[in-house]
Amino acid sequence: MNVETNGYAVIPRAHRVLDCTDLLCPLPVIHTSRAIREIEVGQILHLIATDPGAPMDMRAWSRMTGNTLLDAHEQDGVYHFYFERMK
């Protein structure tokens, strides 16, 4: 797996970046559901969000869809999620 560093941790290199900055629930979930279908199984989607509810929402989305949440972190009020498409 390709990785890069954000200065704090090693994170997966994404095949696609989805910027949901300034969007509130349910839009990040809806956009993530669409974007994950546009990448191949095994590829990685990097979601960027600022919605304070995104950490809870995206963890639930991962459990419900079966797509693996590889990494989730917050940096300066911006949330970063890395999902691997599983099916």
PDB file of N, CA and C in Angstrom:
ATOM      1  N   MET A   1       0.850  -1.180   0.000  1.00  0.00           N
ATOM      2  CA  MET A   1       0.000   0.000   0.000  1.00  0.00           C
ATOM      3  C   MET A   1       0.891   1.238   0.000  1.00  0.00           C
ATOM      4  N   ASN A   2       0.579   2.192  -0.833  1.00  0.00           N
ATOM      5  CA  ASN A   2       1.296   3.458  -0.841  1.00  0.00           C
ATOM      6  C   ASN A   2       0.891   4.265   0.379  1.00  0.00           C
ATOM      7  N   VAL A   3       1.865   4.919   1.017  1.00  0.00           N
ATOM      8  CA  VAL A   3       1.572   5.733   2.192  1.00  0.00           C
ATOM      9  C   VAL A   3       2.275   7.065   2.078  1.00  0.00           C
ATOM     10  N   GLU A   4       1.783   8.031   2.826  1.00  0.00           N
ATOM     11  CA  GLU A   4       2.426   9.330   2.950  1.00  0.00           C
ATOM     12  C   GLU A   4       2.307   9.727   4.409  1.00  0.00           C
ATOM     13  N   THR A   5       2.930  10.809   4.783  1.00  0.00           N
ATOM     14  CA  THR A   5       2.847  11.238   6.176  1.00  0.00           C
ATOM     15  C   THR A   5       2.247  12.628   6.243  1.00  0.00           C
ATOM     16  N   ASN A   6       1.455  12.864   7.287  1.00  0.00           N
ATOM     17  CA  ASN A   6       0.883  14.190   7.497  1.00  0.00           C
ATOM     18  C   ASN A   6       1.660  14.921   8.587  1.00  0.00           C
ATOM     19  N   GLY A   7       2.825  14.406   8.933  1.00  0.00           N
ATOM     20  CA  GLY A   7       3.627  14.996   9.992  1.00  0.00           C
ATOM     21  C   GLY A   7       3.359  14.366  11.342  1.00  0.00           C
ATOM     22  N   TYR A   8       2.292  13.611  11.467  1.00  0.00           N
ATOM     23  CA  TYR A   8       1.918  12.994  12.732  1.00  0.00           C
ATOM     24  C   TYR A   8       1.832  11.477  12.624  1.00  0.00           C
ATOM     25  N   ALA A   9       1.335  10.992  11.518  1.00  0.00           N
ATOM     26  CA  ALA A   9       1.122   9.554  11.362  1.00  0.00           C
ATOM     27  C   ALA A   9       1.278   9.184   9.899  1.00  0.00           C
ATOM     28  N   VAL A  10       1.506   7.925   9.660  1.00  0.00           N
ATOM     29  CA  VAL A  10       1.561   7.427   8.298  1.00  0.00           C
ATOM     30  C   VAL A  10       0.134   7.162   7.848  1.00  0.00           C
ATOM     31  N   ILE A  11      -0.231   7.703   6.695  1.00  0.00           N
ATOM     32  CA  ILE A  11      -1.593   7.568   6.192  1.00  0.00           C
ATOM     33  C   ILE A  11      -1.567   7.013   4.777  1.00  0.00           C
ATOM     34  N   PRO A  12      -2.633   6.340   4.366  1.00  0.00           N
ATOM     35  CA  PRO A  12      -2.670   5.770   3.017  1.00  0.00           C
ATOM     36  C   PRO A  12      -2.701   6.859   1.949  1.00  0.00           C
ATOM     37  N   ARG A  13      -2.143   6.564   0.802  1.00  0.00           N
ATOM     38  CA  ARG A  13      -2.220   7.470  -0.344  1.00  0.00           C
ATOM     39  C   ARG A  13      -3.532   7.205  -1.063  1.00  0.00           C
ATOM     40  N   ALA A  14      -4.316   8.236  -1.238  1.00  0.00           N
ATOM     41  CA  ALA A  14      -5.654   8.101  -1.811  1.00  0.00           C
ATOM     42  C   ALA A  14      -5.623   8.076  -3.335  1.00  0.00           C
ATOM     43  N   HIS A  15      -6.554   7.340  -3.895  1.00  0.00           N
ATOM     44  CA  HIS A  15      -6.773   7.319  -5.332  1.00  0.00           C
ATOM     45  C   HIS A  15      -7.715   8.443  -5.753  1.00  0.00           C
ATOM     46  N   ARG A  16      -8.509   8.901  -4.793  1.00  0.00           N
ATOM     47  CA  ARG A  16      -9.442  10.000  -5.063  1.00  0.00           C
ATOM     48  C   ARG A  16      -9.608  10.810  -3.781  1.00  0.00           C
ATOM     49  N   VAL A  17      -9.709  12.125  -3.922  1.00  0.00           N
ATOM     50  CA  VAL A  17      -9.954  13.027  -2.799  1.00  0.00           C
ATOM     51  C   VAL A  17     -11.332  13.637  -2.983  1.00  0.00           C
ATOM     52  N   LEU A  18     -12.117  13.602  -1.929  1.00  0.00           N
ATOM     53  CA  LEU A  18     -13.461  14.172  -1.923  1.00  0.00           C
ATOM     54  C   LEU A  18     -13.495  15.292  -0.896  1.00  0.00           C
ATOM     55  N   ASP A  19     -13.669  16.520  -1.349  1.00  0.00           N
ATOM     56  CA  ASP A  19     -13.679  17.687  -0.461  1.00  0.00           C
ATOM     57  C   ASP A  19     -15.114  18.052  -0.110  1.00  0.00           C
ATOM     58  N   CYS A  20     -15.492  17.772   1.125  1.00  0.00           N
ATOM     59  CA  CYS A  20     -16.834  18.112   1.621  1.00  0.00           C
ATOM     60  C   CYS A  20     -16.754  19.225   2.657  1.00  0.00           C
ATOM     61  N   THR A  21     -15.717  20.051   2.549  1.00  0.00           N
ATOM     62  CA  THR A  21     -15.556  21.188   3.454  1.00  0.00           C
ATOM     63  C   THR A  21     -16.795  22.068   3.405  1.00  0.00           C
ATOM     64  N   ASP A  22     -17.267  22.480   4.572  1.00  0.00           N
ATOM     65  CA  ASP A  22     -18.417  23.378   4.747  1.00  0.00           C
ATOM     66  C   ASP A  22     -19.764  22.726   4.441  1.00  0.00           C
ATOM     67  N   LEU A  23     -19.795  21.430   4.159  1.00  0.00           N
ATOM     68  CA  LEU A  23     -21.074  20.735   3.971  1.00  0.00           C
ATOM     69  C   LEU A  23     -21.490  20.084   5.274  1.00  0.00           C
ATOM     70  N   LEU A  24     -22.782  20.145   5.565  1.00  0.00           N
ATOM     71  CA  LEU A  24     -23.310  19.550   6.791  1.00  0.00           C
ATOM     72  C   LEU A  24     -24.060  18.266   6.478  1.00  0.00           C
ATOM     73  N   CYS A  25     -24.244  17.450   7.506  1.00  0.00           N
ATOM     74  CA  CYS A  25     -24.970  16.193   7.393  1.00  0.00           C
ATOM     75  C   CYS A  25     -26.360  16.464   6.811  1.00  0.00           C
ATOM     76  N   PRO A  26     -26.770  15.662   5.871  1.00  0.00           N
ATOM     77  CA  PRO A  26     -26.228  14.373   5.446  1.00  0.00           C
ATOM     78  C   PRO A  26     -25.334  14.441   4.211  1.00  0.00           C
ATOM     79  N   LEU A  27     -24.973  15.628   3.751  1.00  0.00           N
ATOM     80  CA  LEU A  27     -24.256  15.752   2.480  1.00  0.00           C
ATOM     81  C   LEU A  27     -22.910  15.026   2.429  1.00  0.00           C
ATOM     82  N   PRO A  28     -22.047  15.092   3.464  1.00  0.00           N
ATOM     83  CA  PRO A  28     -20.806  14.323   3.363  1.00  0.00           C
ATOM     84  C   PRO A  28     -21.051  12.817   3.200  1.00  0.00           C
ATOM     85  N   VAL A  29     -22.053  12.294   3.862  1.00  0.00           N
ATOM     86  CA  VAL A  29     -22.383  10.871   3.746  1.00  0.00           C
ATOM     87  C   VAL A  29     -22.870  10.559   2.332  1.00  0.00           C
ATOM     88  N   ILE A  30     -23.740  11.391   1.802  1.00  0.00           N
ATOM     89  CA  ILE A  30     -24.277  11.183   0.445  1.00  0.00           C
ATOM     90  C   ILE A  30     -23.161  11.247  -0.584  1.00  0.00           C
ATOM     91  N   HIS A  31     -22.318  12.263  -0.494  1.00  0.00           N
ATOM     92  CA  HIS A  31     -21.227  12.418  -1.456  1.00  0.00           C
ATOM     93  C   HIS A  31     -20.205  11.275  -1.346  1.00  0.00           C
ATOM     94  N   THR A  32     -19.949  10.822  -0.129  1.00  0.00           N
ATOM     95  CA  THR A  32     -19.028   9.708   0.068  1.00  0.00           C
ATOM     96  C   THR A  32     -19.586   8.429  -0.549  1.00  0.00           C
ATOM     97  N   SER A  33     -20.872   8.196  -0.369  1.00  0.00           N
ATOM     98  CA  SER A  33     -21.515   7.009  -0.945  1.00  0.00           C
ATOM     99  C   SER A  33     -21.391   7.007  -2.467  1.00  0.00           C
ATOM    100  N   ARG A  34     -21.535   8.154  -3.077  1.00  0.00           N
ATOM    101  CA  ARG A  34     -21.404   8.261  -4.537  1.00  0.00           C
ATOM    102  C   ARG A  34     -19.954   8.084  -4.973  1.00  0.00           C
ATOM    103  N   ALA A  35     -19.054   8.746  -4.261  1.00  0.00           N
ATOM    104  CA  ALA A  35     -17.639   8.734  -4.657  1.00  0.00           C
ATOM    105  C   ALA A  35     -17.014   7.350  -4.503  1.00  0.00           C
ATOM    106  N   ILE A  36     -17.407   6.607  -3.485  1.00  0.00           N
ATOM    107  CA  ILE A  36     -16.805   5.291  -3.273  1.00  0.00           C
ATOM    108  C   ILE A  36     -17.151   4.351  -4.422  1.00  0.00           C
ATOM    109  N   ARG A  37     -18.299   4.564  -5.044  1.00  0.00           N
ATOM    110  CA  ARG A  37     -18.705   3.721  -6.176  1.00  0.00           C
ATOM    111  C   ARG A  37     -17.937   4.067  -7.448  1.00  0.00           C
ATOM    112  N   GLU A  38     -17.252   5.211  -7.454  1.00  0.00           N
ATOM    113  CA  GLU A  38     -16.507   5.649  -8.627  1.00  0.00           C
ATOM    114  C   GLU A  38     -15.050   5.196  -8.626  1.00  0.00           C
ATOM    115  N   ILE A  39     -14.631   4.535  -7.544  1.00  0.00           N
ATOM    116  CA  ILE A  39     -13.279   3.989  -7.506  1.00  0.00           C
ATOM    117  C   ILE A  39     -13.375   2.467  -7.513  1.00  0.00           C
ATOM    118  N   GLU A  40     -12.263   1.823  -7.790  1.00  0.00           N
ATOM    119  CA  GLU A  40     -12.223   0.362  -7.874  1.00  0.00           C
ATOM    120  C   GLU A  40     -12.110  -0.257  -6.479  1.00  0.00           C
ATOM    121  N   VAL A  41     -12.557  -1.504  -6.372  1.00  0.00           N
ATOM    122  CA  VAL A  41     -12.378  -2.269  -5.130  1.00  0.00           C
ATOM    123  C   VAL A  41     -10.883  -2.293  -4.816  1.00  0.00           C
ATOM    124  N   GLY A  42     -10.556  -2.016  -3.549  1.00  0.00           N
ATOM    125  CA  GLY A  42      -9.163  -1.974  -3.108  1.00  0.00           C
ATOM    126  C   GLY A  42      -8.536  -0.593  -3.168  1.00  0.00           C
ATOM    127  N   GLN A  43      -9.179   0.334  -3.866  1.00  0.00           N
ATOM    128  CA  GLN A  43      -8.651   1.696  -3.923  1.00  0.00           C
ATOM    129  C   GLN A  43      -9.113   2.494  -2.707  1.00  0.00           C
ATOM    130  N   ILE A  44      -8.498   3.650  -2.520  1.00  0.00           N
ATOM    131  CA  ILE A  44      -8.717   4.446  -1.311  1.00  0.00           C
ATOM    132  C   ILE A  44      -9.306   5.806  -1.648  1.00  0.00           C
ATOM    133  N   LEU A  45     -10.316   6.171  -0.858  1.00  0.00           N
ATOM    134  CA  LEU A  45     -10.972   7.471  -0.950  1.00  0.00           C
ATOM    135  C   LEU A  45     -10.583   8.293   0.271  1.00  0.00           C
ATOM    136  N   HIS A  46     -10.135   9.513   0.037  1.00  0.00           N
ATOM    137  CA  HIS A  46      -9.806  10.455   1.117  1.00  0.00           C
ATOM    138  C   HIS A  46     -10.920  11.490   1.175  1.00  0.00           C
ATOM    139  N   LEU A  47     -11.649  11.510   2.276  1.00  0.00           N
ATOM    140  CA  LEU A  47     -12.719  12.473   2.498  1.00  0.00           C
ATOM    141  C   LEU A  47     -12.205  13.574   3.413  1.00  0.00           C
ATOM    142  N   ILE A  48     -12.454  14.814   3.033  1.00  0.00           N
ATOM    143  CA  ILE A  48     -12.120  15.979   3.847  1.00  0.00           C
ATOM    144  C   ILE A  48     -13.442  16.637   4.236  1.00  0.00           C
ATOM    145  N   ALA A  49     -13.647  16.855   5.534  1.00  0.00           N
ATOM    146  CA  ALA A  49     -14.911  17.419   6.014  1.00  0.00           C
ATOM    147  C   ALA A  49     -14.667  18.335   7.203  1.00  0.00           C
ATOM    148  N   THR A  50     -15.580  19.262   7.390  1.00  0.00           N
ATOM    149  CA  THR A  50     -15.516  20.165   8.545  1.00  0.00           C
ATOM    150  C   THR A  50     -16.747  20.038   9.443  1.00  0.00           C
ATOM    151  N   ASP A  51     -17.710  19.245   9.061  1.00  0.00           N
ATOM    152  CA  ASP A  51     -18.914  19.035   9.864  1.00  0.00           C
ATOM    153  C   ASP A  51     -18.522  18.375  11.191  1.00  0.00           C
ATOM    154  N   PRO A  52     -18.856  18.986  12.338  1.00  0.00           N
ATOM    155  CA  PRO A  52     -18.485  18.401  13.629  1.00  0.00           C
ATOM    156  C   PRO A  52     -19.067  17.005  13.854  1.00  0.00           C
ATOM    157  N   GLY A  53     -20.128  16.665  13.158  1.00  0.00           N
ATOM    158  CA  GLY A  53     -20.721  15.342  13.286  1.00  0.00           C
ATOM    159  C   GLY A  53     -20.085  14.304  12.382  1.00  0.00           C
ATOM    160  N   ALA A  54     -19.161  14.717  11.536  1.00  0.00           N
ATOM    161  CA  ALA A  54     -18.560  13.801  10.563  1.00  0.00           C
ATOM    162  C   ALA A  54     -17.861  12.599  11.200  1.00  0.00           C
ATOM    163  N   PRO A  55     -17.109  12.744  12.282  1.00  0.00           N
ATOM    164  CA  PRO A  55     -16.454  11.551  12.841  1.00  0.00           C
ATOM    165  C   PRO A  55     -17.445  10.435  13.194  1.00  0.00           C
ATOM    166  N   MET A  56     -18.501  10.774  13.853  1.00  0.00           N
ATOM    167  CA  MET A  56     -19.504   9.769  14.212  1.00  0.00           C
ATOM    168  C   MET A  56     -20.216   9.250  12.961  1.00  0.00           C
ATOM    169  N   ASP A  57     -20.609  10.160  12.082  1.00  0.00           N
ATOM    170  CA  ASP A  57     -21.340   9.774  10.872  1.00  0.00           C
ATOM    171  C   ASP A  57     -20.517   8.864   9.968  1.00  0.00           C
ATOM    172  N   MET A  58     -19.254   9.194   9.766  1.00  0.00           N
ATOM    173  CA  MET A  58     -18.447   8.439   8.821  1.00  0.00           C
ATOM    174  C   MET A  58     -18.027   7.084   9.383  1.00  0.00           C
ATOM    175  N   ARG A  59     -17.851   6.998  10.697  1.00  0.00           N
ATOM    176  CA  ARG A  59     -17.583   5.682  11.299  1.00  0.00           C
ATOM    177  C   ARG A  59     -18.808   4.777  11.143  1.00  0.00           C
ATOM    178  N   ALA A  60     -19.979   5.341  11.356  1.00  0.00           N
ATOM    179  CA  ALA A  60     -21.217   4.571  11.176  1.00  0.00           C
ATOM    180  C   ALA A  60     -21.386   4.165   9.716  1.00  0.00           C
ATOM    181  N   TRP A  61     -21.099   5.078   8.803  1.00  0.00           N
ATOM    182  CA  TRP A  61     -21.207   4.780   7.376  1.00  0.00           C
ATOM    183  C   TRP A  61     -20.280   3.616   7.008  1.00  0.00           C
ATOM    184  N   SER A  62     -19.066   3.632   7.536  1.00  0.00           N
ATOM    185  CA  SER A  62     -18.109   2.566   7.264  1.00  0.00           C
ATOM    186  C   SER A  62     -18.644   1.219   7.748  1.00  0.00           C
ATOM    187  N   ARG A  63     -19.160   1.179   8.956  1.00  0.00           N
ATOM    188  CA  ARG A  63     -19.720  -0.068   9.496  1.00  0.00           C
ATOM    189  C   ARG A  63     -20.902  -0.551   8.669  1.00  0.00           C
ATOM    190  N   MET A  64     -21.762   0.360   8.273  1.00  0.00           N
ATOM    191  CA  MET A  64     -22.976  -0.010   7.547  1.00  0.00           C
ATOM    192  C   MET A  64     -22.694  -0.454   6.121  1.00  0.00           C
ATOM    193  N   THR A  65     -21.684   0.106   5.472  1.00  0.00           N
ATOM    194  CA  THR A  65     -21.417  -0.214   4.071  1.00  0.00           C
ATOM    195  C   THR A  65     -20.372  -1.316   3.896  1.00  0.00           C
ATOM    196  N   GLY A  66     -19.596  -1.584   4.940  1.00  0.00           N
ATOM    197  CA  GLY A  66     -18.542  -2.582   4.828  1.00  0.00           C
ATOM    198  C   GLY A  66     -17.259  -2.063   4.208  1.00  0.00           C
ATOM    199  N   ASN A  67     -17.186  -0.766   3.929  1.00  0.00           N
ATOM    200  CA  ASN A  67     -15.949  -0.162   3.430  1.00  0.00           C
ATOM    201  C   ASN A  67     -15.067   0.159   4.632  1.00  0.00           C
ATOM    202  N   THR A  68     -13.799  -0.218   4.545  1.00  0.00           N
ATOM    203  CA  THR A  68     -12.901  -0.122   5.685  1.00  0.00           C
ATOM    204  C   THR A  68     -12.437   1.311   5.925  1.00  0.00           C
ATOM    205  N   LEU A  69     -12.576   1.770   7.157  1.00  0.00           N
ATOM    206  CA  LEU A  69     -12.027   3.059   7.565  1.00  0.00           C
ATOM    207  C   LEU A  69     -10.584   2.807   7.982  1.00  0.00           C
ATOM    208  N   LEU A  70      -9.642   3.225   7.145  1.00  0.00           N
ATOM    209  CA  LEU A  70      -8.221   2.976   7.386  1.00  0.00           C
ATOM    210  C   LEU A  70      -7.616   3.978   8.356  1.00  0.00           C
ATOM    211  N   ASP A  71      -8.098   5.206   8.302  1.00  0.00           N
ATOM    212  CA  ASP A  71      -7.551   6.259   9.150  1.00  0.00           C
ATOM    213  C   ASP A  71      -8.582   7.370   9.270  1.00  0.00           C
ATOM    214  N   ALA A  72      -8.639   7.974  10.432  1.00  0.00           N
ATOM    215  CA  ALA A  72      -9.474   9.159  10.658  1.00  0.00           C
ATOM    216  C   ALA A  72      -8.723  10.051  11.639  1.00  0.00           C
ATOM    217  N   HIS A  73      -8.561  11.289  11.264  1.00  0.00           N
ATOM    218  CA  HIS A  73      -7.910  12.225  12.175  1.00  0.00           C
ATOM    219  C   HIS A  73      -8.421  13.646  11.914  1.00  0.00           C
ATOM    220  N   GLU A  74      -8.201  14.482  12.899  1.00  0.00           N
ATOM    221  CA  GLU A  74      -8.607  15.892  12.819  1.00  0.00           C
ATOM    222  C   GLU A  74      -7.351  16.741  12.896  1.00  0.00           C
ATOM    223  N   GLN A  75      -7.310  17.755  12.057  1.00  0.00           N
ATOM    224  CA  GLN A  75      -6.175  18.673  12.058  1.00  0.00           C
ATOM    225  C   GLN A  75      -6.702  20.081  11.839  1.00  0.00           C
ATOM    226  N   ASP A  76      -6.584  20.926  12.845  1.00  0.00           N
ATOM    227  CA  ASP A  76      -7.015  22.322  12.760  1.00  0.00           C
ATOM    228  C   ASP A  76      -8.482  22.459  12.367  1.00  0.00           C
ATOM    229  N   GLY A  77      -9.342  21.612  12.946  1.00  0.00           N
ATOM    230  CA  GLY A  77     -10.773  21.698  12.682  1.00  0.00           C
ATOM    231  C   GLY A  77     -11.230  21.055  11.386  1.00  0.00           C
ATOM    232  N   VAL A  78     -10.307  20.387  10.701  1.00  0.00           N
ATOM    233  CA  VAL A  78     -10.629  19.693   9.454  1.00  0.00           C
ATOM    234  C   VAL A  78     -10.450  18.200   9.699  1.00  0.00           C
ATOM    235  N   TYR A  79     -11.471  17.436   9.340  1.00  0.00           N
ATOM    236  CA  TYR A  79     -11.447  15.990   9.526  1.00  0.00           C
ATOM    237  C   TYR A  79     -11.020  15.313   8.228  1.00  0.00           C
ATOM    238  N   HIS A  80     -10.170  14.306   8.373  1.00  0.00           N
ATOM    239  CA  HIS A  80      -9.676  13.530   7.238  1.00  0.00           C
ATOM    240  C   HIS A  80     -10.012  12.065   7.482  1.00  0.00           C
ATOM    241  N   PHE A  81     -10.635  11.444   6.498  1.00  0.00           N
ATOM    242  CA  PHE A  81     -11.013  10.040   6.575  1.00  0.00           C
ATOM    243  C   PHE A  81     -10.465   9.336   5.342  1.00  0.00           C
ATOM    244  N   TYR A  82      -9.946   8.134   5.536  1.00  0.00           N
ATOM    245  CA  TYR A  82      -9.437   7.321   4.445  1.00  0.00           C
ATOM    246  C   TYR A  82     -10.197   6.002   4.444  1.00  0.00           C
ATOM    247  N   PHE A  83     -10.930   5.761   3.371  1.00  0.00           N
ATOM    248  CA  PHE A  83     -11.733   4.550   3.237  1.00  0.00           C
ATOM    249  C   PHE A  83     -11.182   3.689   2.119  1.00  0.00           C
ATOM    250  N   GLU A  84     -11.118   2.383   2.365  1.00  0.00           N
ATOM    251  CA  GLU A  84     -10.799   1.437   1.307  1.00  0.00           C
ATOM    252  C   GLU A  84     -12.100   0.820   0.815  1.00  0.00           C
ATOM    253  N   ARG A  85     -12.315   0.879  -0.499  1.00  0.00           N
ATOM    254  CA  ARG A  85     -13.509   0.267  -1.058  1.00  0.00           C
ATOM    255  C   ARG A  85     -13.352  -1.254  -0.991  1.00  0.00           C
ATOM    256  N   MET A  86     -14.333  -1.899  -0.379  1.00  0.00           N
ATOM    257  CA  MET A  86     -14.248  -3.344  -0.157  1.00  0.00           C
ATOM    258  C   MET A  86     -15.124  -4.151  -1.098  1.00  0.00           C
ATOM    259  N   LYS A  87     -16.162  -3.543  -1.650  1.00  0.00           N
ATOM    260  CA  LYS A  87     -17.031  -4.317  -2.537  1.00  0.00           C
ATOM    261  C   LYS A  87     -17.628  -3.426  -3.596  1.00  0.00           C
TER     262      LYS A  87
END
